[in-house]
Full PDB file with SEQRES, HELIX, SHEET, SSBOND, CRYST1, ORIGX, SCALE, CONECT and MASTER records, all heavy atoms in Angstrom:
SEQRES   1 A   43  LEU MET THR PHE PRO THR LEU ALA ARG ILE ASP LEU ALA          
SEQRES   2 A   43  PHE ASP ASP THR ALA GLY THR LEU ARG LEU ARG VAL ASP          
SEQRES   3 A   43  ASP ILE ASP VAL THR ALA ASP LEU SER GLU SER GLY ARG          
SEQRES   4 A   43  ALA ARG LEU SER                                              
HELIX    1 AA1 PRO A    5  ARG A    9  5                                   5    
HELIX    2 AA2 GLU A   36  LEU A   42  1                                   7    
SHEET    1 AA1 3 ASP A  11  ASP A  15  0                                        
SHEET    2 AA1 3 THR A  20  VAL A  25 -1                                        
SHEET    3 AA1 3 ILE A  28  ASP A  33 -1                                        
CRYST1    1.000    1.000    1.000  90.00  90.00  90.00 P 1           1          
ORIGX1      1.000000  0.000000  0.000000        0.00000                         
ORIGX2      0.000000  1.000000  0.000000        0.00000                         
ORIGX3      0.000000  0.000000  1.000000        0.00000                         
SCALE1      1.000000  0.000000  0.000000        0.00000                         
SCALE2      0.000000  1.000000  0.000000        0.00000                         
SCALE3      0.000000  0.000000  1.000000        0.00000                         
ATOM      1  N   LEU A   1      51.736 -46.996  10.150  1.00  0.00           N  
ATOM      2  CA  LEU A   1      50.518 -47.692   9.733  1.00  0.00           C  
ATOM      3  C   LEU A   1      50.624 -49.201   9.887  1.00  0.00           C  
ATOM      4  O   LEU A   1      49.618 -49.881  10.069  1.00  0.00           O  
ATOM      5  CB  LEU A   1      50.211 -47.366   8.268  1.00  0.00           C  
ATOM      6  CG  LEU A   1      49.514 -46.037   7.986  1.00  0.00           C  
ATOM      7  CD1 LEU A   1      49.476 -45.794   6.490  1.00  0.00           C  
ATOM      8  CD2 LEU A   1      48.121 -46.037   8.568  1.00  0.00           C  
ATOM      9  N   MET A   2      51.823 -49.728   9.809  1.00  0.00           N  
ATOM     10  CA  MET A   2      52.010 -51.169   9.900  1.00  0.00           C  
ATOM     11  C   MET A   2      51.424 -51.719  11.189  1.00  0.00           C  
ATOM     12  O   MET A   2      50.816 -52.797  11.208  1.00  0.00           O  
ATOM     13  CB  MET A   2      53.498 -51.510   9.809  1.00  0.00           C  
ATOM     14  CG  MET A   2      53.818 -53.000   9.829  1.00  0.00           C  
ATOM     15  SD  MET A   2      55.577 -53.316   9.611  1.00  0.00           S  
ATOM     16  CE  MET A   2      56.228 -52.687  11.167  1.00  0.00           C  
ATOM     17  N   THR A   3      51.573 -50.971  12.288  1.00  0.00           N  
ATOM     18  CA  THR A   3      51.074 -51.431  13.587  1.00  0.00           C  
ATOM     19  C   THR A   3      49.893 -50.617  14.109  1.00  0.00           C  
ATOM     20  O   THR A   3      49.117 -51.111  14.932  1.00  0.00           O  
ATOM     21  CB  THR A   3      52.204 -51.396  14.638  1.00  0.00           C  
ATOM     22  OG1 THR A   3      52.876 -50.140  14.570  1.00  0.00           O  
ATOM     23  CG2 THR A   3      53.203 -52.508  14.383  1.00  0.00           C  
ATOM     24  N   PHE A   4      49.729 -49.376  13.640  1.00  0.00           N  
ATOM     25  CA  PHE A   4      48.631 -48.508  14.064  1.00  0.00           C  
ATOM     26  C   PHE A   4      47.819 -48.101  12.834  1.00  0.00           C  
ATOM     27  O   PHE A   4      47.922 -46.954  12.357  1.00  0.00           O  
ATOM     28  CB  PHE A   4      49.165 -47.260  14.768  1.00  0.00           C  
ATOM     29  CG  PHE A   4      49.755 -47.495  16.125  1.00  0.00           C  
ATOM     30  CD1 PHE A   4      51.061 -47.944  16.270  1.00  0.00           C  
ATOM     31  CD2 PHE A   4      49.009 -47.240  17.275  1.00  0.00           C  
ATOM     32  CE1 PHE A   4      51.614 -48.148  17.529  1.00  0.00           C  
ATOM     33  CE2 PHE A   4      49.561 -47.437  18.539  1.00  0.00           C  
ATOM     34  CZ  PHE A   4      50.862 -47.909  18.669  1.00  0.00           C  
ATOM     35  N   PRO A   5      47.007 -48.994  12.274  1.00  0.00           N  
ATOM     36  CA  PRO A   5      46.297 -48.680  11.024  1.00  0.00           C  
ATOM     37  C   PRO A   5      45.345 -47.493  11.126  1.00  0.00           C  
ATOM     38  O   PRO A   5      45.080 -46.822  10.119  1.00  0.00           O  
ATOM     39  CB  PRO A   5      45.541 -49.970  10.699  1.00  0.00           C  
ATOM     40  CG  PRO A   5      45.440 -50.692  12.002  1.00  0.00           C  
ATOM     41  CD  PRO A   5      46.690 -50.354  12.743  1.00  0.00           C  
ATOM     42  N   THR A   6      44.840 -47.189  12.323  1.00  0.00           N  
ATOM     43  CA  THR A   6      43.887 -46.088  12.449  1.00  0.00           C  
ATOM     44  C   THR A   6      44.539 -44.713  12.237  1.00  0.00           C  
ATOM     45  O   THR A   6      43.839 -43.703  12.112  1.00  0.00           O  
ATOM     46  CB  THR A   6      43.177 -46.113  13.814  1.00  0.00           C  
ATOM     47  OG1 THR A   6      44.153 -46.066  14.862  1.00  0.00           O  
ATOM     48  CG2 THR A   6      42.333 -47.366  13.959  1.00  0.00           C  
ATOM     49  N   LEU A   7      45.865 -44.658  12.170  1.00  0.00           N  
ATOM     50  CA  LEU A   7      46.539 -43.407  11.817  1.00  0.00           C  
ATOM     51  C   LEU A   7      46.100 -42.918  10.441  1.00  0.00           C  
ATOM     52  O   LEU A   7      46.177 -41.715  10.147  1.00  0.00           O  
ATOM     53  CB  LEU A   7      48.060 -43.594  11.813  1.00  0.00           C  
ATOM     54  CG  LEU A   7      48.749 -43.849  13.150  1.00  0.00           C  
ATOM     55  CD1 LEU A   7      50.222 -44.142  12.916  1.00  0.00           C  
ATOM     56  CD2 LEU A   7      48.582 -42.658  14.088  1.00  0.00           C  
ATOM     57  N   ALA A   8      45.625 -43.832   9.599  1.00  0.00           N  
ATOM     58  CA  ALA A   8      45.239 -43.475   8.238  1.00  0.00           C  
ATOM     59  C   ALA A   8      44.132 -42.431   8.204  1.00  0.00           C  
ATOM     60  O   ALA A   8      43.990 -41.693   7.222  1.00  0.00           O  
ATOM     61  CB  ALA A   8      44.799 -44.719   7.477  1.00  0.00           C  
ATOM     62  N   ARG A   9      43.356 -42.325   9.278  1.00  0.00           N  
ATOM     63  CA  ARG A   9      42.224 -41.406   9.287  1.00  0.00           C  
ATOM     64  C   ARG A   9      42.635 -39.961   9.583  1.00  0.00           C  
ATOM     65  O   ARG A   9      41.844 -39.030   9.376  1.00  0.00           O  
ATOM     66  CB  ARG A   9      41.193 -41.842  10.325  1.00  0.00           C  
ATOM     67  CG  ARG A   9      40.519 -43.170  10.003  1.00  0.00           C  
ATOM     68  CD  ARG A   9      39.319 -43.394  10.918  1.00  0.00           C  
ATOM     69  NE  ARG A   9      38.378 -42.290  10.818  1.00  0.00           N  
ATOM     70  CZ  ARG A   9      37.990 -41.531  11.854  1.00  0.00           C  
ATOM     71  NH1 ARG A   9      38.482 -41.742  13.071  1.00  0.00           N  
ATOM     72  NH2 ARG A   9      37.123 -40.553  11.675  1.00  0.00           N  
ATOM     73  N   ILE A  10      43.845 -39.763  10.044  1.00  0.00           N  
ATOM     74  CA  ILE A  10      44.275 -38.411  10.412  1.00  0.00           C  
ATOM     75  C   ILE A  10      44.674 -37.638   9.156  1.00  0.00           C  
ATOM     76  O   ILE A  10      45.536 -38.073   8.391  1.00  0.00           O  
ATOM     77  CB  ILE A  10      45.455 -38.448  11.395  1.00  0.00           C  
ATOM     78  CG1 ILE A  10      45.062 -39.169  12.692  1.00  0.00           C  
ATOM     79  CG2 ILE A  10      45.939 -37.033  11.705  1.00  0.00           C  
ATOM     80  CD1 ILE A  10      46.200 -39.314  13.679  1.00  0.00           C  
ATOM     81  N   ASP A  11      44.040 -36.492   8.955  1.00  0.00           N  
ATOM     82  CA  ASP A  11      44.415 -35.595   7.857  1.00  0.00           C  
ATOM     83  C   ASP A  11      45.552 -34.710   8.347  1.00  0.00           C  
ATOM     84  O   ASP A  11      45.420 -34.020   9.366  1.00  0.00           O  
ATOM     85  CB  ASP A  11      43.213 -34.754   7.437  1.00  0.00           C  
ATOM     86  CG  ASP A  11      43.570 -33.795   6.314  1.00  0.00           C  
ATOM     87  OD1 ASP A  11      44.127 -34.246   5.312  1.00  0.00           O  
ATOM     88  OD2 ASP A  11      43.307 -32.585   6.466  1.00  0.00           O  
ATOM     89  N   LEU A  12      46.648 -34.725   7.620  1.00  0.00           N  
ATOM     90  CA  LEU A  12      47.852 -34.031   8.067  1.00  0.00           C  
ATOM     91  C   LEU A  12      48.342 -33.081   6.984  1.00  0.00           C  
ATOM     92  O   LEU A  12      48.323 -33.416   5.802  1.00  0.00           O  
ATOM     93  CB  LEU A  12      48.926 -35.072   8.401  1.00  0.00           C  
ATOM     94  CG  LEU A  12      50.310 -34.605   8.827  1.00  0.00           C  
ATOM     95  CD1 LEU A  12      50.924 -35.621   9.790  1.00  0.00           C  
ATOM     96  CD2 LEU A  12      51.230 -34.451   7.601  1.00  0.00           C  
ATOM     97  N   ALA A  13      48.794 -31.904   7.383  1.00  0.00           N  
ATOM     98  CA  ALA A  13      49.384 -30.956   6.438  1.00  0.00           C  
ATOM     99  C   ALA A  13      50.513 -30.198   7.128  1.00  0.00           C  
ATOM    100  O   ALA A  13      50.343 -29.712   8.250  1.00  0.00           O  
ATOM    101  CB  ALA A  13      48.335 -29.977   5.932  1.00  0.00           C  
ATOM    102  N   PHE A  14      51.649 -30.113   6.445  1.00  0.00           N  
ATOM    103  CA  PHE A  14      52.788 -29.361   6.979  1.00  0.00           C  
ATOM    104  C   PHE A  14      52.986 -28.108   6.143  1.00  0.00           C  
ATOM    105  O   PHE A  14      53.083 -28.166   4.919  1.00  0.00           O  
ATOM    106  CB  PHE A  14      54.061 -30.197   6.960  1.00  0.00           C  
ATOM    107  CG  PHE A  14      55.227 -29.500   7.612  1.00  0.00           C  
ATOM    108  CD1 PHE A  14      55.274 -29.354   8.988  1.00  0.00           C  
ATOM    109  CD2 PHE A  14      56.257 -28.962   6.857  1.00  0.00           C  
ATOM    110  CE1 PHE A  14      56.330 -28.682   9.604  1.00  0.00           C  
ATOM    111  CE2 PHE A  14      57.317 -28.302   7.457  1.00  0.00           C  
ATOM    112  CZ  PHE A  14      57.358 -28.172   8.837  1.00  0.00           C  
ATOM    113  N   ASP A  15      53.028 -26.959   6.798  1.00  0.00           N  
ATOM    114  CA  ASP A  15      53.254 -25.683   6.140  1.00  0.00           C  
ATOM    115  C   ASP A  15      54.750 -25.382   6.189  1.00  0.00           C  
ATOM    116  O   ASP A  15      55.290 -25.033   7.245  1.00  0.00           O  
ATOM    117  CB  ASP A  15      52.456 -24.576   6.854  1.00  0.00           C  
ATOM    118  CG  ASP A  15      52.528 -23.234   6.141  1.00  0.00           C  
ATOM    119  OD1 ASP A  15      53.594 -22.893   5.604  1.00  0.00           O  
ATOM    120  OD2 ASP A  15      51.507 -22.516   6.145  1.00  0.00           O  
ATOM    121  N   ASP A  16      55.419 -25.506   5.050  1.00  0.00           N  
ATOM    122  CA  ASP A  16      56.870 -25.322   5.006  1.00  0.00           C  
ATOM    123  C   ASP A  16      57.270 -23.896   5.386  1.00  0.00           C  
ATOM    124  O   ASP A  16      58.295 -23.688   6.044  1.00  0.00           O  
ATOM    125  CB  ASP A  16      57.395 -25.640   3.604  1.00  0.00           C  
ATOM    126  CG  ASP A  16      57.155 -27.074   3.200  1.00  0.00           C  
ATOM    127  OD1 ASP A  16      56.062 -27.373   2.686  1.00  0.00           O  
ATOM    128  OD2 ASP A  16      58.049 -27.898   3.405  1.00  0.00           O  
ATOM    129  N   THR A  17      56.491 -22.920   4.955  1.00  0.00           N  
ATOM    130  CA  THR A  17      56.836 -21.520   5.203  1.00  0.00           C  
ATOM    131  C   THR A  17      56.692 -21.160   6.676  1.00  0.00           C  
ATOM    132  O   THR A  17      57.588 -20.568   7.278  1.00  0.00           O  
ATOM    133  CB  THR A  17      55.958 -20.592   4.356  1.00  0.00           C  
ATOM    134  OG1 THR A  17      56.128 -20.921   2.966  1.00  0.00           O  
ATOM    135  CG2 THR A  17      56.337 -19.135   4.584  1.00  0.00           C  
ATOM    136  N   ALA A  18      55.561 -21.544   7.263  1.00  0.00           N  
ATOM    137  CA  ALA A  18      55.313 -21.215   8.671  1.00  0.00           C  
ATOM    138  C   ALA A  18      55.970 -22.197   9.629  1.00  0.00           C  
ATOM    139  O   ALA A  18      56.148 -21.883  10.814  1.00  0.00           O  
ATOM    140  CB  ALA A  18      53.809 -21.175   8.940  1.00  0.00           C  
ATOM    141  N   GLY A  19      56.319 -23.376   9.130  1.00  0.00           N  
ATOM    142  CA  GLY A  19      56.897 -24.396  10.002  1.00  0.00           C  
ATOM    143  C   GLY A  19      55.896 -24.956  10.986  1.00  0.00           C  
ATOM    144  O   GLY A  19      56.231 -25.256  12.130  1.00  0.00           O  
ATOM    145  N   THR A  20      54.639 -25.092  10.528  1.00  0.00           N  
ATOM    146  CA  THR A  20      53.585 -25.598  11.403  1.00  0.00           C  
ATOM    147  C   THR A  20      52.981 -26.879  10.844  1.00  0.00           C  
ATOM    148  O   THR A  20      52.922 -27.089   9.626  1.00  0.00           O  
ATOM    149  CB  THR A  20      52.458 -24.560  11.584  1.00  0.00           C  
ATOM    150  OG1 THR A  20      51.920 -24.200  10.296  1.00  0.00           O  
ATOM    151  CG2 THR A  20      52.976 -23.330  12.290  1.00  0.00           C  
ATOM    152  N   LEU A  21      52.517 -27.720  11.740  1.00  0.00           N  
ATOM    153  CA  LEU A  21      51.885 -28.979  11.392  1.00  0.00           C  
ATOM    154  C   LEU A  21      50.437 -28.936  11.860  1.00  0.00           C  
ATOM    155  O   LEU A  21      50.164 -28.548  13.003  1.00  0.00           O  
ATOM    156  CB  LEU A  21      52.623 -30.140  12.058  1.00  0.00           C  
ATOM    157  CG  LEU A  21      52.144 -31.556  11.756  1.00  0.00           C  
ATOM    158  CD1 LEU A  21      52.358 -31.895  10.282  1.00  0.00           C  
ATOM    159  CD2 LEU A  21      52.894 -32.555  12.644  1.00  0.00           C  
ATOM    160  N   ARG A  22      49.504 -29.331  10.977  1.00  0.00           N  
ATOM    161  CA  ARG A  22      48.093 -29.375  11.342  1.00  0.00           C  
ATOM    162  C   ARG A  22      47.601 -30.813  11.298  1.00  0.00           C  
ATOM    163  O   ARG A  22      47.838 -31.535  10.319  1.00  0.00           O  
ATOM    164  CB  ARG A  22      47.251 -28.531  10.393  1.00  0.00           C  
ATOM    165  CG  ARG A  22      45.763 -28.476  10.781  1.00  0.00           C  
ATOM    166  CD  ARG A  22      44.962 -27.601   9.828  1.00  0.00           C  
ATOM    167  NE  ARG A  22      43.590 -27.432  10.297  1.00  0.00           N  
ATOM    168  CZ  ARG A  22      42.657 -26.738   9.641  1.00  0.00           C  
ATOM    169  NH1 ARG A  22      42.961 -26.152   8.479  1.00  0.00           N  
ATOM    170  NH2 ARG A  22      41.423 -26.650  10.129  1.00  0.00           N  
ATOM    171  N   LEU A  23      46.921 -31.246  12.366  1.00  0.00           N  
ATOM    172  CA  LEU A  23      46.343 -32.576  12.473  1.00  0.00           C  
ATOM    173  C   LEU A  23      44.835 -32.443  12.659  1.00  0.00           C  
ATOM    174  O   LEU A  23      44.381 -31.727  13.557  1.00  0.00           O  
ATOM    175  CB  LEU A  23      46.935 -33.340  13.662  1.00  0.00           C  
ATOM    176  CG  LEU A  23      48.451 -33.513  13.699  1.00  0.00           C  
ATOM    177  CD1 LEU A  23      48.870 -34.154  15.013  1.00  0.00           C  
ATOM    178  CD2 LEU A  23      48.915 -34.372  12.532  1.00  0.00           C  
ATOM    179  N   ARG A  24      44.061 -33.139  11.816  1.00  0.00           N  
ATOM    180  CA  ARG A  24      42.605 -33.084  11.914  1.00  0.00           C  
ATOM    181  C   ARG A  24      42.019 -34.486  11.818  1.00  0.00           C  
ATOM    182  O   ARG A  24      42.324 -35.230  10.887  1.00  0.00           O  
ATOM    183  CB  ARG A  24      42.018 -32.223  10.792  1.00  0.00           C  
ATOM    184  CG  ARG A  24      42.305 -30.739  10.907  1.00  0.00           C  
ATOM    185  CD  ARG A  24      41.686 -29.954   9.769  1.00  0.00           C  
ATOM    186  NE  ARG A  24      42.343 -30.265   8.501  1.00  0.00           N  
ATOM    187  CZ  ARG A  24      41.948 -29.797   7.315  1.00  0.00           C  
ATOM    188  NH1 ARG A  24      40.876 -29.028   7.240  1.00  0.00           N  
ATOM    189  NH2 ARG A  24      42.612 -30.097   6.227  1.00  0.00           N  
ATOM    190  N   VAL A  25      41.176 -34.821  12.780  1.00  0.00           N  
ATOM    191  CA  VAL A  25      40.447 -36.086  12.756  1.00  0.00           C  
ATOM    192  C   VAL A  25      39.313 -35.988  13.775  1.00  0.00           C  
ATOM    193  O   VAL A  25      39.512 -35.534  14.900  1.00  0.00           O  
ATOM    194  CB  VAL A  25      41.371 -37.286  13.062  1.00  0.00           C  
ATOM    195  CG1 VAL A  25      42.019 -37.164  14.436  1.00  0.00           C  
ATOM    196  CG2 VAL A  25      40.629 -38.599  12.910  1.00  0.00           C  
ATOM    197  N   ASP A  26      38.118 -36.397  13.379  1.00  0.00           N  
ATOM    198  CA  ASP A  26      36.949 -36.312  14.257  1.00  0.00           C  
ATOM    199  C   ASP A  26      36.827 -34.890  14.821  1.00  0.00           C  
ATOM    200  O   ASP A  26      36.816 -33.938  14.054  1.00  0.00           O  
ATOM    201  CB  ASP A  26      37.030 -37.377  15.349  1.00  0.00           C  
ATOM    202  CG  ASP A  26      37.028 -38.788  14.765  1.00  0.00           C  
ATOM    203  OD1 ASP A  26      36.491 -38.974  13.661  1.00  0.00           O  
ATOM    204  OD2 ASP A  26      37.578 -39.696  15.413  1.00  0.00           O  
ATOM    205  N   ASP A  27      36.775 -34.738  16.151  1.00  0.00           N  
ATOM    206  CA  ASP A  27      36.641 -33.396  16.715  1.00  0.00           C  
ATOM    207  C   ASP A  27      37.983 -32.785  17.113  1.00  0.00           C  
ATOM    208  O   ASP A  27      38.042 -31.758  17.796  1.00  0.00           O  
ATOM    209  CB  ASP A  27      35.703 -33.419  17.926  1.00  0.00           C  
ATOM    210  CG  ASP A  27      36.219 -34.329  19.045  1.00  0.00           C  
ATOM    211  OD1 ASP A  27      37.187 -35.084  18.807  1.00  0.00           O  
ATOM    212  OD2 ASP A  27      35.643 -34.294  20.145  1.00  0.00           O  
ATOM    213  N   ILE A  28      39.077 -33.399  16.660  1.00  0.00           N  
ATOM    214  CA  ILE A  28      40.420 -32.877  16.943  1.00  0.00           C  
ATOM    215  C   ILE A  28      40.907 -32.059  15.752  1.00  0.00           C  
ATOM    216  O   ILE A  28      40.873 -32.520  14.609  1.00  0.00           O  
ATOM    217  CB  ILE A  28      41.408 -34.025  17.231  1.00  0.00           C  
ATOM    218  CG1 ILE A  28      41.011 -34.757  18.513  1.00  0.00           C  
ATOM    219  CG2 ILE A  28      42.846 -33.494  17.335  1.00  0.00           C  
ATOM    220  CD1 ILE A  28      41.823 -36.001  18.775  1.00  0.00           C  
ATOM    221  N   ASP A  29      41.318 -30.842  16.006  1.00  0.00           N  
ATOM    222  CA  ASP A  29      41.882 -29.974  14.964  1.00  0.00           C  
ATOM    223  C   ASP A  29      42.950 -29.119  15.633  1.00  0.00           C  
ATOM    224  O   ASP A  29      42.646 -28.136  16.314  1.00  0.00           O  
ATOM    225  CB  ASP A  29      40.798 -29.106  14.338  1.00  0.00           C  
ATOM    226  CG  ASP A  29      41.297 -28.323  13.117  1.00  0.00           C  
ATOM    227  OD1 ASP A  29      42.518 -28.229  12.935  1.00  0.00           O  
ATOM    228  OD2 ASP A  29      40.447 -27.816  12.361  1.00  0.00           O  
ATOM    229  N   VAL A  30      44.211 -29.524  15.457  1.00  0.00           N  
ATOM    230  CA  VAL A  30      45.320 -28.874  16.150  1.00  0.00           C  
ATOM    231  C   VAL A  30      46.356 -28.414  15.140  1.00  0.00           C  
ATOM    232  O   VAL A  30      46.770 -29.185  14.270  1.00  0.00           O  
ATOM    233  CB  VAL A  30      45.981 -29.827  17.162  1.00  0.00           C  
ATOM    234  CG1 VAL A  30      47.204 -29.165  17.802  1.00  0.00           C  
ATOM    235  CG2 VAL A  30      44.984 -30.239  18.236  1.00  0.00           C  
ATOM    236  N   THR A  31      46.767 -27.157  15.237  1.00  0.00           N  
ATOM    237  CA  THR A  31      47.874 -26.612  14.460  1.00  0.00           C  
ATOM    238  C   THR A  31      48.918 -26.094  15.438  1.00  0.00           C  
ATOM    239  O   THR A  31      48.589 -25.336  16.353  1.00  0.00           O  
ATOM    240  CB  THR A  31      47.421 -25.474  13.539  1.00  0.00           C  
ATOM    241  OG1 THR A  31      46.419 -25.948  12.644  1.00  0.00           O  
ATOM    242  CG2 THR A  31      48.599 -24.931  12.731  1.00  0.00           C  
ATOM    243  N   ALA A  32      50.155 -26.510  15.253  1.00  0.00           N  
ATOM    244  CA  ALA A  32      51.212 -26.087  16.175  1.00  0.00           C  
ATOM    245  C   ALA A  32      52.540 -26.020  15.445  1.00  0.00           C  
ATOM    246  O   ALA A  32      52.743 -26.689  14.421  1.00  0.00           O  
ATOM    247  CB  ALA A  32      51.301 -27.045  17.363  1.00  0.00           C  
ATOM    248  N   ASP A  33      53.433 -25.216  15.992  1.00  0.00           N  
ATOM    249  CA  ASP A  33      54.779 -25.139  15.415  1.00  0.00           C  
ATOM    250  C   ASP A  33      55.655 -26.229  16.033  1.00  0.00           C  
ATOM    251  O   ASP A  33      55.176 -27.074  16.800  1.00  0.00           O  
ATOM    252  CB  ASP A  33      55.374 -23.744  15.615  1.00  0.00           C  
ATOM    253  CG  ASP A  33      55.522 -23.366  17.094  1.00  0.00           C  
ATOM    254  OD1 ASP A  33      55.514 -24.267  17.963  1.00  0.00           O  
ATOM    255  OD2 ASP A  33      55.645 -22.152  17.371  1.00  0.00           O  
ATOM    256  N   LEU A  34      56.938 -26.185  15.711  1.00  0.00           N  
ATOM    257  CA  LEU A  34      57.837 -27.232  16.175  1.00  0.00           C  
ATOM    258  C   LEU A  34      58.652 -26.802  17.395  1.00  0.00           C  
ATOM    259  O   LEU A  34      59.733 -27.340  17.644  1.00  0.00           O  
ATOM    260  CB  LEU A  34      58.756 -27.681  15.032  1.00  0.00           C  
ATOM    261  CG  LEU A  34      58.025 -28.252  13.811  1.00  0.00           C  
ATOM    262  CD1 LEU A  34      59.028 -28.696  12.748  1.00  0.00           C  
ATOM    263  CD2 LEU A  34      57.113 -29.413  14.210  1.00  0.00           C  
ATOM    264  N   SER A  35      58.119 -25.855  18.148  1.00  0.00           N  
ATOM    265  CA  SER A  35      58.708 -25.537  19.440  1.00  0.00           C  
ATOM    266  C   SER A  35      58.448 -26.705  20.387  1.00  0.00           C  
ATOM    267  O   SER A  35      57.662 -27.604  20.096  1.00  0.00           O  
ATOM    268  CB  SER A  35      58.102 -24.258  20.013  1.00  0.00           C  
ATOM    269  OG  SER A  35      56.710 -24.452  20.266  1.00  0.00           O  
ATOM    270  N   GLU A  36      59.074 -26.670  21.544  1.00  0.00           N  
ATOM    271  CA  GLU A  36      58.871 -27.748  22.515  1.00  0.00           C  
ATOM    272  C   GLU A  36      57.404 -27.862  22.909  1.00  0.00           C  
ATOM    273  O   GLU A  36      56.843 -28.960  22.982  1.00  0.00           O  
ATOM    274  CB  GLU A  36      59.735 -27.501  23.751  1.00  0.00           C  
ATOM    275  CG  GLU A  36      59.656 -28.614  24.781  1.00  0.00           C  
ATOM    276  CD  GLU A  36      60.614 -28.408  25.943  1.00  0.00           C  
ATOM    277  OE1 GLU A  36      61.483 -27.525  25.856  1.00  0.00           O  
ATOM    278  OE2 GLU A  36      60.475 -29.139  26.958  1.00  0.00           O  
ATOM    279  N   SER A  37      56.750 -26.719  23.142  1.00  0.00           N  
ATOM    280  CA  SER A  37      55.351 -26.751  23.536  1.00  0.00           C  
ATOM    281  C   SER A  37      54.455 -27.178  22.376  1.00  0.00           C  
ATOM    282  O   SER A  37      53.467 -27.894  22.563  1.00  0.00           O  
ATOM    283  CB  SER A  37      54.915 -25.383  24.061  1.00  0.00           C  
ATOM    284  OG  SER A  37      55.054 -24.382  23.055  1.00  0.00           O  
ATOM    285  N   GLY A  38      54.805 -26.753  21.157  1.00  0.00           N  
ATOM    286  CA  GLY A  38      54.029 -27.147  19.990  1.00  0.00           C  
ATOM    287  C   GLY A  38      54.110 -28.635  19.732  1.00  0.00           C  
ATOM    288  O   GLY A  38      53.099 -29.293  19.427  1.00  0.00           O  
ATOM    289  N   ARG A  39      55.296 -29.191  19.855  1.00  0.00           N  
ATOM    290  CA  ARG A  39      55.463 -30.636  19.666  1.00  0.00           C  
ATOM    291  C   ARG A  39      54.658 -31.409  20.708  1.00  0.00           C  
ATOM    292  O   ARG A  39      54.076 -32.451  20.409  1.00  0.00           O  
ATOM    293  CB  ARG A  39      56.945 -31.002  19.761  1.00  0.00           C  
ATOM    294  CG  ARG A  39      57.783 -30.507  18.590  1.00  0.00           C  
ATOM    295  CD  ARG A  39      59.273 -30.709  18.835  1.00  0.00           C  
ATOM    296  NE  ARG A  39      60.093 -30.029  17.870  1.00  0.00           N  
ATOM    297  CZ  ARG A  39      60.614 -30.580  16.781  1.00  0.00           C  
ATOM    298  NH1 ARG A  39      60.398 -31.865  16.529  1.00  0.00           N  
ATOM    299  NH2 ARG A  39      61.350 -29.886  15.949  1.00  0.00           N  
ATOM    300  N   ALA A  40      54.630 -30.898  21.936  1.00  0.00           N  
ATOM    301  CA  ALA A  40      53.872 -31.563  22.995  1.00  0.00           C  
ATOM    302  C   ALA A  40      52.380 -31.551  22.679  1.00  0.00           C  
ATOM    303  O   ALA A  40      51.677 -32.555  22.893  1.00  0.00           O  
ATOM    304  CB  ALA A  40      54.142 -30.888  24.333  1.00  0.00           C  
ATOM    305  N   ARG A  41      51.866 -30.417  22.169  1.00  0.00           N  
ATOM    306  CA  ARG A  41      50.455 -30.336  21.805  1.00  0.00           C  
ATOM    307  C   ARG A  41      50.110 -31.352  20.715  1.00  0.00           C  
ATOM    308  O   ARG A  41      49.068 -32.009  20.763  1.00  0.00           O  
ATOM    309  CB  ARG A  41      50.115 -28.926  21.314  1.00  0.00           C  
ATOM    310  CG  ARG A  41      50.035 -27.867  22.393  1.00  0.00           C  
ATOM    311  CD  ARG A  41      49.600 -26.549  21.778  1.00  0.00           C  
ATOM    312  NE  ARG A  41      48.257 -26.653  21.197  1.00  0.00           N  
ATOM    313  CZ  ARG A  41      47.848 -25.968  20.139  1.00  0.00           C  
ATOM    314  NH1 ARG A  41      48.688 -25.139  19.515  1.00  0.00           N  
ATOM    315  NH2 ARG A  41      46.613 -26.102  19.705  1.00  0.00           N  
ATOM    316  N   LEU A  42      50.974 -31.463  19.726  1.00  0.00           N  
ATOM    317  CA  LEU A  42      50.722 -32.393  18.627  1.00  0.00           C  
ATOM    318  C   LEU A  42      50.789 -33.846  19.111  1.00  0.00           C  
ATOM    319  O   LEU A  42      49.948 -34.672  18.737  1.00  0.00           O  
ATOM    320  CB  LEU A  42      51.742 -32.156  17.504  1.00  0.00           C  
ATOM    321  CG  LEU A  42      51.594 -30.816  16.783  1.00  0.00           C  
ATOM    322  CD1 LEU A  42      52.864 -30.473  16.014  1.00  0.00           C  
ATOM    323  CD2 LEU A  42      50.396 -30.828  15.833  1.00  0.00           C  
ATOM    324  N   SER A  43      51.753 -34.152  19.946  1.00  0.00           N  
ATOM    325  CA  SER A  43      51.865 -35.508  20.500  1.00  0.00           C  
ATOM    326  C   SER A  43      50.650 -35.853  21.344  1.00  0.00           C  
ATOM    327  O   SER A  43      50.114 -36.970  21.274  1.00  0.00           O  
ATOM    328  CB  SER A  43      53.139 -35.636  21.337  1.00  0.00           C  
ATOM    329  OG  SER A  43      54.296 -35.467  20.544  1.00  0.00           O  
TER     330      SER A  43                                                      
MASTER        0    0    0    2    3    0    0    6  329    1    0    4          
END                                                                             
């Protein structure tokens, strides 16, 4: 946030049991695991 303040708008939730991360902002809504392909989708 120090350099990218607009990150504040992203709603983020990590599911400890499933090991998945969900990112939601505007028309973006992505849920992915921490596999190589999942990390790429989130990035």
